[in-house]
Amino acid sequence: MTVGKYSIVNPSEGQPFPDSHKLVVRVSSPKGNNYHLGDLVDSGTFAFTAAESGDYTTCFWANKHKPPVKMTIEFDWKSGVAAKDWSKVAKAGQVETMEIELKKLHDTVSAIHEEMFYLRERYETTIAVIIETNSKMATLSFFSLLLCLSVAGLQIWHLKSFFESKKLL
């Protein structure tokens, strides 16, 4: 959505515009489609929804000014959210609809918030289980290593005593 407003600044305040202060205005799309054409105007507005992507242009020109005249133009171009007239949005019938939509959004946000707390609690529980499992595995690994070293020591003792009884050592 695009909205524009333009007007010629009156060189002599409080007096009517001279006839020489008239403009031709054209708003066009990047592909050359015209969205607004004002012929010999001193002010105006335009509004359109952009159908093409790209840079839209506004051209101002003054025809056949003799003698040449210097003009100042006030120009305001708004697009997107800035172009929307929010005062018209809050009509009586729409306020109730918007209130219902806001309540739905609030309930959705509350559900997401509760889900986040639930997931955080599950995460903390999972971390506690992981830490407990790691400590149990470390203890089991230590006892397994002790058992393996004990068995190896017993094997060496048994083999040494066997070879000594056979007088091989």
N, C-alpha and C. Protein backbone atom coordinates (compact mmCIF):
# COMPACT_ATOMS: atom_id res chain seq x y z
N MET A 1 0.86 -1.18 0.00
CA MET A 1 0.00 0.00 0.00
C MET A 1 0.89 1.23 0.00
N THR A 2 0.57 2.16 -0.87
CA THR A 2 1.33 3.41 -0.98
C THR A 2 0.36 4.57 -1.02
N VAL A 3 0.69 5.63 -0.28
CA VAL A 3 -0.13 6.84 -0.23
C VAL A 3 0.80 8.03 -0.42
N GLY A 4 0.38 8.98 -1.23
CA GLY A 4 1.17 10.18 -1.44
C GLY A 4 0.31 11.42 -1.39
N LYS A 5 0.91 12.52 -0.98
CA LYS A 5 0.20 13.80 -0.89
C LYS A 5 1.19 14.87 -1.34
N TYR A 6 0.72 15.76 -2.21
CA TYR A 6 1.60 16.82 -2.70
C TYR A 6 0.83 18.12 -2.79
N SER A 7 1.57 19.23 -2.67
CA SER A 7 0.96 20.55 -2.83
C SER A 7 2.06 21.57 -3.09
N ILE A 8 1.70 22.58 -3.83
CA ILE A 8 2.64 23.67 -4.10
C ILE A 8 2.57 24.64 -2.92
N VAL A 9 3.75 25.06 -2.46
CA VAL A 9 3.81 26.03 -1.36
C VAL A 9 3.49 27.40 -1.94
N ASN A 10 2.51 28.09 -1.36
CA ASN A 10 2.07 29.39 -1.84
C ASN A 10 3.15 30.43 -1.57
N PRO A 11 3.65 31.09 -2.62
CA PRO A 11 4.73 32.07 -2.41
C PRO A 11 4.27 33.31 -1.66
N SER A 12 3.02 33.64 -1.78
CA SER A 12 2.51 34.81 -1.05
C SER A 12 1.39 34.33 -0.14
N GLU A 13 1.73 34.22 1.15
CA GLU A 13 0.81 33.70 2.15
C GLU A 13 -0.48 34.52 2.20
N GLY A 14 -1.59 33.81 2.34
CA GLY A 14 -2.88 34.49 2.51
C GLY A 14 -3.52 34.94 1.21
N GLN A 15 -2.85 34.82 0.09
CA GLN A 15 -3.43 35.22 -1.19
C GLN A 15 -3.63 33.97 -2.04
N PRO A 16 -4.54 34.05 -3.00
CA PRO A 16 -4.78 32.88 -3.84
C PRO A 16 -3.56 32.58 -4.72
N PHE A 17 -3.51 31.33 -5.18
CA PHE A 17 -2.41 30.93 -6.07
C PHE A 17 -2.47 31.70 -7.38
N PRO A 18 -1.30 32.09 -7.88
CA PRO A 18 -1.30 32.65 -9.24
C PRO A 18 -1.64 31.54 -10.24
N ASP A 19 -2.17 31.93 -11.39
CA ASP A 19 -2.53 30.94 -12.41
C ASP A 19 -1.31 30.21 -12.94
N SER A 20 -0.14 30.79 -12.82
CA SER A 20 1.08 30.16 -13.33
C SER A 20 1.54 29.00 -12.45
N HIS A 21 1.00 28.90 -11.24
CA HIS A 21 1.42 27.85 -10.32
C HIS A 21 0.54 26.62 -10.45
N LYS A 22 0.67 25.94 -11.55
CA LYS A 22 -0.04 24.69 -11.81
C LYS A 22 0.98 23.66 -12.29
N LEU A 23 0.75 22.42 -11.91
CA LEU A 23 1.68 21.33 -12.23
C LEU A 23 0.98 20.20 -12.96
N VAL A 24 1.79 19.41 -13.64
CA VAL A 24 1.35 18.13 -14.15
C VAL A 24 2.10 17.09 -13.31
N VAL A 25 1.37 16.12 -12.76
CA VAL A 25 1.96 15.12 -11.86
C VAL A 25 1.66 13.74 -12.43
N ARG A 26 2.69 12.89 -12.42
CA ARG A 26 2.48 11.51 -12.86
C ARG A 26 3.23 10.57 -11.93
N VAL A 27 2.53 9.53 -11.45
CA VAL A 27 3.14 8.46 -10.64
C VAL A 27 3.13 7.22 -11.52
N SER A 28 4.30 6.61 -11.69
CA SER A 28 4.38 5.43 -12.57
C SER A 28 5.19 4.32 -11.92
N SER A 29 4.95 3.11 -12.40
CA SER A 29 5.61 1.91 -11.89
C SER A 29 6.93 1.70 -12.62
N PRO A 30 7.74 0.74 -12.17
CA PRO A 30 9.00 0.46 -12.86
C PRO A 30 8.81 0.02 -14.31
N LYS A 31 7.66 -0.57 -14.61
CA LYS A 31 7.40 -1.01 -15.99
C LYS A 31 6.66 0.03 -16.80
N GLY A 32 6.43 1.22 -16.25
CA GLY A 32 5.82 2.31 -16.99
C GLY A 32 4.32 2.43 -16.85
N ASN A 33 3.68 1.64 -16.01
CA ASN A 33 2.23 1.76 -15.81
C ASN A 33 1.94 2.99 -14.96
N ASN A 34 0.94 3.78 -15.37
CA ASN A 34 0.57 4.99 -14.64
C ASN A 34 -0.40 4.65 -13.53
N TYR A 35 -0.12 5.17 -12.34
CA TYR A 35 -1.00 4.98 -11.20
C TYR A 35 -1.72 6.28 -10.82
N HIS A 36 -1.19 7.41 -11.23
CA HIS A 36 -1.84 8.68 -10.93
C HIS A 36 -1.39 9.69 -11.97
N LEU A 37 -2.37 10.50 -12.43
CA LEU A 37 -2.05 11.57 -13.38
C LEU A 37 -2.87 12.78 -12.98
N GLY A 38 -2.18 13.85 -12.63
CA GLY A 38 -2.85 15.11 -12.28
C GLY A 38 -2.44 16.16 -13.30
N ASP A 39 -3.42 16.79 -13.96
CA ASP A 39 -3.13 17.76 -15.02
C ASP A 39 -3.51 19.16 -14.57
N LEU A 40 -2.52 20.05 -14.51
CA LEU A 40 -2.70 21.45 -14.10
C LEU A 40 -3.39 21.55 -12.74
N VAL A 41 -2.72 20.99 -11.73
CA VAL A 41 -3.23 20.99 -10.36
C VAL A 41 -2.24 21.72 -9.46
N ASP A 42 -2.73 22.20 -8.32
CA ASP A 42 -1.82 22.81 -7.34
C ASP A 42 -1.64 21.92 -6.12
N SER A 43 -2.48 20.88 -5.96
CA SER A 43 -2.32 19.91 -4.88
C SER A 43 -3.11 18.65 -5.23
N GLY A 44 -2.82 17.57 -4.50
CA GLY A 44 -3.54 16.34 -4.76
C GLY A 44 -3.00 15.20 -3.92
N THR A 45 -3.70 14.09 -4.01
CA THR A 45 -3.28 12.88 -3.30
C THR A 45 -3.42 11.69 -4.24
N PHE A 46 -2.71 10.63 -3.92
CA PHE A 46 -2.84 9.38 -4.66
C PHE A 46 -2.63 8.23 -3.70
N ALA A 47 -3.23 7.10 -4.05
CA ALA A 47 -3.08 5.88 -3.25
C ALA A 47 -3.21 4.69 -4.19
N PHE A 48 -2.36 3.70 -4.00
CA PHE A 48 -2.43 2.48 -4.80
C PHE A 48 -1.72 1.36 -4.08
N THR A 49 -2.04 0.15 -4.50
CA THR A 49 -1.35 -1.03 -4.01
C THR A 49 -0.38 -1.47 -5.10
N ALA A 50 0.88 -1.56 -4.75
CA ALA A 50 1.90 -1.87 -5.73
C ALA A 50 1.74 -3.30 -6.24
N ALA A 51 1.66 -3.43 -7.56
CA ALA A 51 1.52 -4.75 -8.17
C ALA A 51 2.86 -5.26 -8.68
N GLU A 52 3.81 -4.35 -8.85
CA GLU A 52 5.13 -4.72 -9.37
C GLU A 52 6.19 -4.36 -8.34
N SER A 53 7.25 -5.13 -8.31
CA SER A 53 8.35 -4.78 -7.40
C SER A 53 9.29 -3.84 -8.12
N GLY A 54 9.93 -2.97 -7.35
CA GLY A 54 10.88 -2.02 -7.94
C GLY A 54 10.63 -0.62 -7.43
N ASP A 55 11.29 0.34 -8.08
CA ASP A 55 11.18 1.75 -7.68
C ASP A 55 10.08 2.44 -8.47
N TYR A 56 9.13 3.00 -7.74
CA TYR A 56 8.06 3.78 -8.35
C TYR A 56 8.51 5.23 -8.39
N THR A 57 8.11 5.95 -9.44
CA THR A 57 8.57 7.33 -9.60
C THR A 57 7.39 8.29 -9.65
N THR A 58 7.66 9.49 -9.19
CA THR A 58 6.70 10.58 -9.28
C THR A 58 7.40 11.72 -10.02
N CYS A 59 6.77 12.19 -11.09
CA CYS A 59 7.34 13.29 -11.87
C CYS A 59 6.44 14.51 -11.75
N PHE A 60 7.05 15.65 -11.46
CA PHE A 60 6.36 16.93 -11.40
C PHE A 60 6.94 17.80 -12.51
N TRP A 61 6.09 18.42 -13.30
CA TRP A 61 6.61 19.40 -14.25
C TRP A 61 5.59 20.50 -14.48
N ALA A 62 6.14 21.66 -14.81
CA ALA A 62 5.31 22.85 -15.05
C ALA A 62 5.41 23.19 -16.53
N ASN A 63 4.26 23.36 -17.16
CA ASN A 63 4.23 23.64 -18.61
C ASN A 63 4.13 25.13 -18.89
N LYS A 64 4.91 25.57 -19.83
CA LYS A 64 4.78 26.90 -20.44
C LYS A 64 4.65 28.03 -19.44
N HIS A 65 5.64 28.18 -18.59
CA HIS A 65 5.63 29.30 -17.66
C HIS A 65 6.47 30.43 -18.25
N LYS A 66 5.81 31.52 -18.60
CA LYS A 66 6.51 32.69 -19.12
C LYS A 66 6.06 33.88 -18.30
N PRO A 67 6.93 34.53 -17.60
CA PRO A 67 8.34 34.23 -17.40
C PRO A 67 8.49 32.99 -16.51
N PRO A 68 9.70 32.38 -16.50
CA PRO A 68 9.93 31.19 -15.68
C PRO A 68 9.62 31.47 -14.21
N VAL A 69 9.00 30.50 -13.55
CA VAL A 69 8.56 30.66 -12.16
C VAL A 69 9.25 29.59 -11.32
N LYS A 70 9.71 30.01 -10.16
CA LYS A 70 10.30 29.06 -9.22
C LYS A 70 9.21 28.63 -8.24
N MET A 71 9.02 27.27 -8.11
CA MET A 71 7.98 26.75 -7.23
C MET A 71 8.60 25.79 -6.23
N THR A 72 8.01 25.76 -5.02
CA THR A 72 8.40 24.80 -4.00
C THR A 72 7.23 23.84 -3.80
N ILE A 73 7.55 22.54 -3.75
CA ILE A 73 6.50 21.54 -3.64
C ILE A 73 6.68 20.77 -2.34
N GLU A 74 5.60 20.65 -1.56
CA GLU A 74 5.60 19.77 -0.39
C GLU A 74 5.14 18.40 -0.87
N PHE A 75 5.92 17.38 -0.54
CA PHE A 75 5.60 16.04 -1.03
C PHE A 75 5.79 15.04 0.11
N ASP A 76 4.78 14.22 0.35
CA ASP A 76 4.82 13.21 1.40
C ASP A 76 4.45 11.86 0.79
N TRP A 77 5.37 10.91 0.85
CA TRP A 77 5.18 9.58 0.27
C TRP A 77 5.30 8.57 1.39
N LYS A 78 4.27 7.76 1.59
CA LYS A 78 4.28 6.73 2.64
C LYS A 78 3.94 5.40 2.01
N SER A 79 4.59 4.35 2.53
CA SER A 79 4.28 3.01 2.02
C SER A 79 4.31 2.01 3.17
N GLY A 80 3.67 0.89 2.97
CA GLY A 80 3.65 -0.17 3.98
C GLY A 80 2.81 0.21 5.18
N VAL A 81 3.34 -0.08 6.37
CA VAL A 81 2.61 0.17 7.62
C VAL A 81 2.39 1.66 7.83
N ALA A 82 3.33 2.50 7.40
CA ALA A 82 3.21 3.94 7.59
C ALA A 82 2.04 4.51 6.78
N ALA A 83 1.65 3.83 5.68
CA ALA A 83 0.58 4.33 4.83
C ALA A 83 -0.81 4.01 5.37
N LYS A 84 -0.89 3.11 6.30
CA LYS A 84 -2.20 2.68 6.81
C LYS A 84 -2.76 3.73 7.76
N ASP A 85 -4.02 4.05 7.58
CA ASP A 85 -4.70 5.02 8.45
C ASP A 85 -5.30 4.26 9.62
N TRP A 86 -4.59 4.27 10.75
CA TRP A 86 -5.00 3.46 11.89
C TRP A 86 -6.25 4.00 12.57
N SER A 87 -6.60 5.25 12.36
CA SER A 87 -7.82 5.78 12.98
C SER A 87 -9.06 5.13 12.38
N LYS A 88 -9.00 4.71 11.13
CA LYS A 88 -10.14 4.06 10.50
C LYS A 88 -10.24 2.59 10.89
N VAL A 89 -9.15 2.02 11.38
CA VAL A 89 -9.15 0.61 11.76
C VAL A 89 -10.02 0.38 12.97
N ALA A 90 -10.03 1.33 13.88
CA ALA A 90 -10.73 1.15 15.16
C ALA A 90 -12.20 1.57 15.08
N LYS A 91 -12.93 1.05 14.10
CA LYS A 91 -14.36 1.29 14.03
C LYS A 91 -15.05 0.43 15.09
N ALA A 92 -16.25 0.82 15.47
CA ALA A 92 -16.94 0.12 16.56
C ALA A 92 -17.12 -1.36 16.28
N GLY A 93 -17.50 -1.73 15.08
CA GLY A 93 -17.70 -3.14 14.76
C GLY A 93 -16.40 -3.92 14.74
N GLN A 94 -15.33 -3.27 14.37
CA GLN A 94 -14.05 -3.95 14.27
C GLN A 94 -13.36 -4.09 15.62
N VAL A 95 -13.67 -3.22 16.56
CA VAL A 95 -13.01 -3.28 17.86
C VAL A 95 -13.33 -4.60 18.55
N GLU A 96 -14.59 -5.04 18.49
CA GLU A 96 -14.96 -6.30 19.12
C GLU A 96 -14.25 -7.46 18.44
N THR A 97 -14.17 -7.42 17.12
CA THR A 97 -13.46 -8.47 16.39
C THR A 97 -11.99 -8.48 16.76
N MET A 98 -11.42 -7.29 16.84
CA MET A 98 -10.01 -7.20 17.22
C MET A 98 -9.80 -7.66 18.65
N GLU A 99 -10.76 -7.37 19.54
CA GLU A 99 -10.66 -7.80 20.93
C GLU A 99 -10.66 -9.33 21.02
N ILE A 100 -11.53 -9.96 20.24
CA ILE A 100 -11.58 -11.43 20.22
C ILE A 100 -10.27 -11.98 19.69
N GLU A 101 -9.76 -11.38 18.62
CA GLU A 101 -8.49 -11.84 18.06
C GLU A 101 -7.34 -11.67 19.06
N LEU A 102 -7.35 -10.56 19.79
CA LEU A 102 -6.32 -10.33 20.80
C LEU A 102 -6.42 -11.36 21.92
N LYS A 103 -7.65 -11.73 22.32
CA LYS A 103 -7.81 -12.75 23.35
C LYS A 103 -7.29 -14.10 22.85
N LYS A 104 -7.57 -14.41 21.57
CA LYS A 104 -7.05 -15.65 20.99
C LYS A 104 -5.52 -15.64 21.00
N LEU A 105 -4.95 -14.52 20.59
CA LEU A 105 -3.49 -14.40 20.58
C LEU A 105 -2.91 -14.50 21.99
N HIS A 106 -3.60 -13.90 22.97
CA HIS A 106 -3.15 -13.98 24.36
C HIS A 106 -3.16 -15.41 24.85
N ASP A 107 -4.24 -16.15 24.54
CA ASP A 107 -4.31 -17.55 24.93
C ASP A 107 -3.21 -18.37 24.26
N THR A 108 -2.94 -18.08 23.00
CA THR A 108 -1.87 -18.78 22.29
C THR A 108 -0.52 -18.50 22.93
N VAL A 109 -0.27 -17.25 23.25
CA VAL A 109 0.99 -16.88 23.89
C VAL A 109 1.11 -17.54 25.27
N SER A 110 0.00 -17.58 26.01
CA SER A 110 0.02 -18.24 27.33
C SER A 110 0.34 -19.72 27.20
N ALA A 111 -0.26 -20.37 26.21
CA ALA A 111 0.01 -21.80 25.99
C ALA A 111 1.48 -22.02 25.62
N ILE A 112 2.01 -21.17 24.80
CA ILE A 112 3.43 -21.28 24.41
C ILE A 112 4.32 -21.05 25.63
N HIS A 113 3.94 -20.10 26.48
CA HIS A 113 4.71 -19.80 27.69
C HIS A 113 4.73 -21.01 28.63
N GLU A 114 3.56 -21.62 28.84
CA GLU A 114 3.49 -22.81 29.69
C GLU A 114 4.30 -23.96 29.09
N GLU A 115 4.22 -24.12 27.78
CA GLU A 115 4.99 -25.17 27.11
C GLU A 115 6.49 -24.95 27.30
N MET A 116 6.92 -23.69 27.25
CA MET A 116 8.34 -23.38 27.46
C MET A 116 8.77 -23.77 28.87
N PHE A 117 7.94 -23.46 29.88
CA PHE A 117 8.28 -23.85 31.25
C PHE A 117 8.32 -25.36 31.40
N TYR A 118 7.38 -26.06 30.77
CA TYR A 118 7.38 -27.52 30.82
C TYR A 118 8.64 -28.08 30.18
N LEU A 119 9.00 -27.54 29.01
CA LEU A 119 10.22 -28.01 28.33
C LEU A 119 11.47 -27.69 29.14
N ARG A 120 11.51 -26.54 29.80
CA ARG A 120 12.65 -26.20 30.65
C ARG A 120 12.76 -27.17 31.82
N GLU A 121 11.62 -27.54 32.43
CA GLU A 121 11.61 -28.50 33.53
C GLU A 121 12.10 -29.87 33.05
N ARG A 122 11.63 -30.30 31.89
CA ARG A 122 12.08 -31.58 31.33
C ARG A 122 13.57 -31.54 31.02
N TYR A 123 14.06 -30.40 30.53
CA TYR A 123 15.49 -30.25 30.23
C TYR A 123 16.31 -30.40 31.51
N GLU A 124 15.88 -29.75 32.59
CA GLU A 124 16.60 -29.85 33.86
C GLU A 124 16.57 -31.27 34.41
N THR A 125 15.44 -31.95 34.26
CA THR A 125 15.34 -33.35 34.70
C THR A 125 16.29 -34.22 33.88
N THR A 126 16.31 -34.00 32.59
CA THR A 126 17.19 -34.77 31.71
C THR A 126 18.66 -34.54 32.06
N ILE A 127 19.03 -33.30 32.33
CA ILE A 127 20.41 -33.00 32.71
C ILE A 127 20.76 -33.71 34.01
N ALA A 128 19.84 -33.73 34.98
CA ALA A 128 20.10 -34.42 36.26
C ALA A 128 20.30 -35.92 36.03
N VAL A 129 19.48 -36.52 35.17
CA VAL A 129 19.63 -37.95 34.86
C VAL A 129 20.97 -38.21 34.17
N ILE A 130 21.36 -37.32 33.26
CA ILE A 130 22.63 -37.48 32.54
C ILE A 130 23.80 -37.41 33.51
N ILE A 131 23.77 -36.45 34.44
CA ILE A 131 24.86 -36.30 35.42
C ILE A 131 24.93 -37.54 36.32
N GLU A 132 23.77 -38.03 36.77
CA GLU A 132 23.74 -39.23 37.62
C GLU A 132 24.27 -40.45 36.86
N THR A 133 23.87 -40.60 35.60
CA THR A 133 24.34 -41.72 34.77
C THR A 133 25.85 -41.63 34.56
N ASN A 134 26.35 -40.44 34.31
CA ASN A 134 27.80 -40.27 34.12
C ASN A 134 28.57 -40.67 35.37
N SER A 135 28.08 -40.27 36.55
CA SER A 135 28.80 -40.63 37.78
C SER A 135 28.75 -42.15 38.02
N LYS A 136 27.61 -42.78 37.74
CA LYS A 136 27.51 -44.23 37.89
C LYS A 136 28.44 -44.94 36.91
N MET A 137 28.51 -44.43 35.67
CA MET A 137 29.41 -45.04 34.67
C MET A 137 30.87 -44.88 35.08
N ALA A 138 31.22 -43.73 35.65
CA ALA A 138 32.59 -43.52 36.11
C ALA A 138 32.93 -44.50 37.23
N THR A 139 32.00 -44.70 38.17
CA THR A 139 32.22 -45.65 39.27
C THR A 139 32.36 -47.07 38.73
N LEU A 140 31.47 -47.45 37.82
CA LEU A 140 31.51 -48.78 37.22
C LEU A 140 32.82 -48.99 36.45
N SER A 141 33.24 -47.98 35.72
CA SER A 141 34.51 -48.07 34.97
C SER A 141 35.68 -48.26 35.93
N PHE A 142 35.68 -47.53 37.05
CA PHE A 142 36.76 -47.64 38.03
C PHE A 142 36.81 -49.06 38.61
N PHE A 143 35.63 -49.61 38.98
CA PHE A 143 35.60 -50.98 39.53
C PHE A 143 35.98 -52.01 38.47
N SER A 144 35.60 -51.80 37.22
CA SER A 144 35.98 -52.71 36.14
C SER A 144 37.49 -52.71 35.95
N LEU A 145 38.09 -51.53 35.99
CA LEU A 145 39.55 -51.43 35.86
C LEU A 145 40.24 -52.13 37.02
N LEU A 146 39.73 -51.93 38.26
CA LEU A 146 40.29 -52.61 39.42
C LEU A 146 40.17 -54.13 39.30
N LEU A 147 39.03 -54.60 38.82
CA LEU A 147 38.82 -56.03 38.64
C LEU A 147 39.78 -56.61 37.60
N CYS A 148 39.93 -55.87 36.48
CA CYS A 148 40.86 -56.34 35.42
C CYS A 148 42.30 -56.38 35.94
N LEU A 149 42.72 -55.37 36.68
CA LEU A 149 44.08 -55.36 37.23
C LEU A 149 44.25 -56.48 38.26
N SER A 150 43.23 -56.71 39.06
CA SER A 150 43.30 -57.80 40.05
C SER A 150 43.43 -59.16 39.35
N VAL A 151 42.63 -59.40 38.32
CA VAL A 151 42.69 -60.66 37.59
C VAL A 151 44.06 -60.82 36.92
N ALA A 152 44.58 -59.74 36.36
CA ALA A 152 45.91 -59.80 35.74
C ALA A 152 46.97 -60.13 36.78
N GLY A 153 46.88 -59.50 37.96
CA GLY A 153 47.83 -59.80 39.04
C GLY A 153 47.73 -61.24 39.49
N LEU A 154 46.51 -61.76 39.63
CA LEU A 154 46.33 -63.16 40.00
C LEU A 154 46.90 -64.10 38.94
N GLN A 155 46.71 -63.76 37.67
CA GLN A 155 47.25 -64.60 36.59
C GLN A 155 48.79 -64.63 36.65
N ILE A 156 49.37 -63.47 36.88
CA ILE A 156 50.85 -63.42 36.97
C ILE A 156 51.32 -64.24 38.17
N TRP A 157 50.69 -64.08 39.31
CA TRP A 157 51.06 -64.86 40.50
C TRP A 157 50.93 -66.36 40.26
N HIS A 158 49.78 -66.77 39.62
CA HIS A 158 49.56 -68.18 39.34
C HIS A 158 50.60 -68.73 38.37
N LEU A 159 50.88 -67.99 37.30
CA LEU A 159 51.88 -68.46 36.33
C LEU A 159 53.27 -68.54 36.96
N LYS A 160 53.63 -67.59 37.78
CA LYS A 160 54.94 -67.59 38.43
C LYS A 160 55.07 -68.81 39.36
N SER A 161 54.00 -69.04 40.16
CA SER A 161 54.07 -70.20 41.07
C SER A 161 54.06 -71.52 40.27
N PHE A 162 53.36 -71.59 39.14
CA PHE A 162 53.34 -72.78 38.31
C PHE A 162 54.72 -73.07 37.74
N PHE A 163 55.37 -72.03 37.20
CA PHE A 163 56.68 -72.23 36.61
C PHE A 163 57.73 -72.53 37.66
N GLU A 164 57.59 -72.00 38.88
CA GLU A 164 58.52 -72.29 39.96
C GLU A 164 58.34 -73.75 40.43
N SER A 165 57.09 -74.22 40.45
CA SER A 165 56.88 -75.63 40.87
C SER A 165 57.41 -76.59 39.82
N LYS A 166 57.46 -76.22 38.59
CA LYS A 166 57.99 -77.07 37.53
C LYS A 166 59.49 -76.84 37.36
N LYS A 167 60.04 -76.01 38.15
CA LYS A 167 61.46 -75.69 38.16
C LYS A 167 61.90 -75.11 36.81
N LEU A 168 61.04 -74.35 36.17
CA LEU A 168 61.41 -73.71 34.92
C LEU A 168 61.94 -72.31 35.17
N LEU A 169 61.73 -71.80 36.30
CA LEU A 169 62.23 -70.48 36.64
C LEU A 169 63.24 -70.51 37.72
